[in-house]
Amino acid sequence: MTAAKVYTIRVPESDAQQIEFVARVEGLSINELFRTALDQYFEVLRDDAGFVGRAKAQLAHDRKIAKRLV
């Protein structure tokens, strides 16, 4: 298994009920449901020109900061 990082999130009870329902219907663990949802969200972001532009600007900004440090 690849390295993994654990996150704790808080969701409203009504969302938790829906998450648990969808996981049961789809035969997934809640962990698998979240990973699937994140994979789908990342795909959407890759095709979003606005996001790509903001990400490139952030990377350029971060490079300037890093150059001052190293």
C-alpha atoms as a PDB file:
ATOM      1  CA  MET A   1       0.000   0.000   0.000  1.00  0.00           C
ATOM      2  CA  THR A   2       1.207   3.499  -0.745  1.00  0.00           C
ATOM      3  CA  ALA A   3       1.810   6.005   2.017  1.00  0.00           C
ATOM      4  CA  ALA A   4      -1.378   7.580   3.290  1.00  0.00           C
ATOM      5  CA  LYS A   5      -2.290  10.585   5.370  1.00  0.00           C
ATOM      6  CA  VAL A   6      -5.258  10.584   7.722  1.00  0.00           C
ATOM      7  CA  TYR A   7      -7.644  13.548   7.818  1.00  0.00           C
ATOM      8  CA  THR A   8     -10.510  14.175  10.192  1.00  0.00           C
ATOM      9  CA  ILE A   9     -13.469  16.108   8.837  1.00  0.00           C
ATOM     10  CA  ARG A  10     -16.628  17.374  10.456  1.00  0.00           C
ATOM     11  CA  VAL A  11     -19.912  17.255   8.579  1.00  0.00           C
ATOM     12  CA  PRO A  12     -23.428  18.156   9.647  1.00  0.00           C
ATOM     13  CA  GLU A  13     -25.526  15.201  10.791  1.00  0.00           C
ATOM     14  CA  SER A  14     -27.792  15.510   7.737  1.00  0.00           C
ATOM     15  CA  ASP A  15     -24.758  15.218   5.441  1.00  0.00           C
ATOM     16  CA  ALA A  16     -23.408  12.292   7.470  1.00  0.00           C
ATOM     17  CA  GLN A  17     -26.693  10.442   7.006  1.00  0.00           C
ATOM     18  CA  GLN A  18     -26.552  11.002   3.238  1.00  0.00           C
ATOM     19  CA  ILE A  19     -22.889   9.969   3.066  1.00  0.00           C
ATOM     20  CA  GLU A  20     -23.624   6.754   4.948  1.00  0.00           C
ATOM     21  CA  PHE A  21     -26.678   6.043   2.786  1.00  0.00           C
ATOM     22  CA  VAL A  22     -24.786   6.541  -0.478  1.00  0.00           C
ATOM     23  CA  ALA A  23     -21.914   4.373   0.762  1.00  0.00           C
ATOM     24  CA  ARG A  24     -24.344   1.567   1.645  1.00  0.00           C
ATOM     25  CA  VAL A  25     -26.163   1.816  -1.693  1.00  0.00           C
ATOM     26  CA  GLU A  26     -22.894   1.822  -3.638  1.00  0.00           C
ATOM     27  CA  GLY A  27     -21.352  -0.938  -1.517  1.00  0.00           C
ATOM     28  CA  LEU A  28     -18.411   1.286  -0.553  1.00  0.00           C
ATOM     29  CA  SER A  29     -16.747   2.121   2.693  1.00  0.00           C
ATOM     30  CA  ILE A  30     -17.022   5.774   3.636  1.00  0.00           C
ATOM     31  CA  ASN A  31     -13.287   6.028   3.003  1.00  0.00           C
ATOM     32  CA  GLU A  32     -13.728   4.666  -0.534  1.00  0.00           C
ATOM     33  CA  LEU A  33     -16.665   7.018  -1.122  1.00  0.00           C
ATOM     34  CA  PHE A  34     -14.586  10.060  -0.160  1.00  0.00           C
ATOM     35  CA  ARG A  35     -11.605   8.932  -2.246  1.00  0.00           C
ATOM     36  CA  THR A  36     -13.869   8.400  -5.256  1.00  0.00           C
ATOM     37  CA  ALA A  37     -15.496  11.797  -4.784  1.00  0.00           C
ATOM     38  CA  LEU A  38     -12.076  13.469  -4.486  1.00  0.00           C
ATOM     39  CA  ASP A  39     -10.807  11.718  -7.620  1.00  0.00           C
ATOM     40  CA  GLN A  40     -13.845  13.016  -9.508  1.00  0.00           C
ATOM     41  CA  TYR A  41     -13.353  16.533  -8.116  1.00  0.00           C
ATOM     42  CA  PHE A  42      -9.676  16.536  -9.132  1.00  0.00           C
ATOM     43  CA  GLU A  43     -10.709  15.550 -12.679  1.00  0.00           C
ATOM     44  CA  VAL A  44     -13.121  18.503 -12.768  1.00  0.00           C
ATOM     45  CA  LEU A  45     -10.361  20.848 -11.574  1.00  0.00           C
ATOM     46  CA  ARG A  46      -7.927  19.642 -14.255  1.00  0.00           C
ATOM     47  CA  ASP A  47     -10.433  20.723 -16.907  1.00  0.00           C
ATOM     48  CA  ASP A  48     -11.224  24.067 -15.220  1.00  0.00           C
ATOM     49  CA  ALA A  49      -9.226  26.831 -16.937  1.00  0.00           C
ATOM     50  CA  GLY A  50      -9.839  29.193 -14.016  1.00  0.00           C
ATOM     51  CA  PHE A  51      -8.416  26.724 -11.526  1.00  0.00           C
ATOM     52  CA  VAL A  52      -5.431  25.943 -13.743  1.00  0.00           C
ATOM     53  CA  GLY A  53      -4.664  29.652 -14.032  1.00  0.00           C
ATOM     54  CA  ARG A  54      -4.922  30.172 -10.270  1.00  0.00           C
ATOM     55  CA  ALA A  55      -2.743  27.110  -9.633  1.00  0.00           C
ATOM     56  CA  LYS A  56      -0.045  28.364 -12.000  1.00  0.00           C
ATOM     57  CA  ALA A  57      -0.111  31.787 -10.330  1.00  0.00           C
ATOM     58  CA  GLN A  58       0.195  30.144  -6.905  1.00  0.00           C
ATOM     59  CA  LEU A  59       3.142  28.047  -8.078  1.00  0.00           C
ATOM     60  CA  ALA A  60       4.906  31.132  -9.455  1.00  0.00           C
ATOM     61  CA  HIS A  61       4.325  32.935  -6.152  1.00  0.00           C
ATOM     62  CA  ASP A  62       5.613  29.956  -4.164  1.00  0.00           C
ATOM     63  CA  ARG A  63       8.746  29.753  -6.336  1.00  0.00           C
ATOM     64  CA  LYS A  64       9.549  33.390  -5.573  1.00  0.00           C
ATOM     65  CA  ILE A  65       9.246  32.701  -1.842  1.00  0.00           C
ATOM     66  CA  ALA A  66      11.359  29.536  -2.092  1.00  0.00           C
ATOM     67  CA  LYS A  67      14.112  31.383  -4.019  1.00  0.00           C
ATOM     68  CA  ARG A  68      14.438  33.823  -1.110  1.00  0.00           C
ATOM     69  CA  LEU A  69      14.886  30.928   1.309  1.00  0.00           C
ATOM     70  CA  VAL A  70      17.316  28.678  -0.566  1.00  0.00           C
END
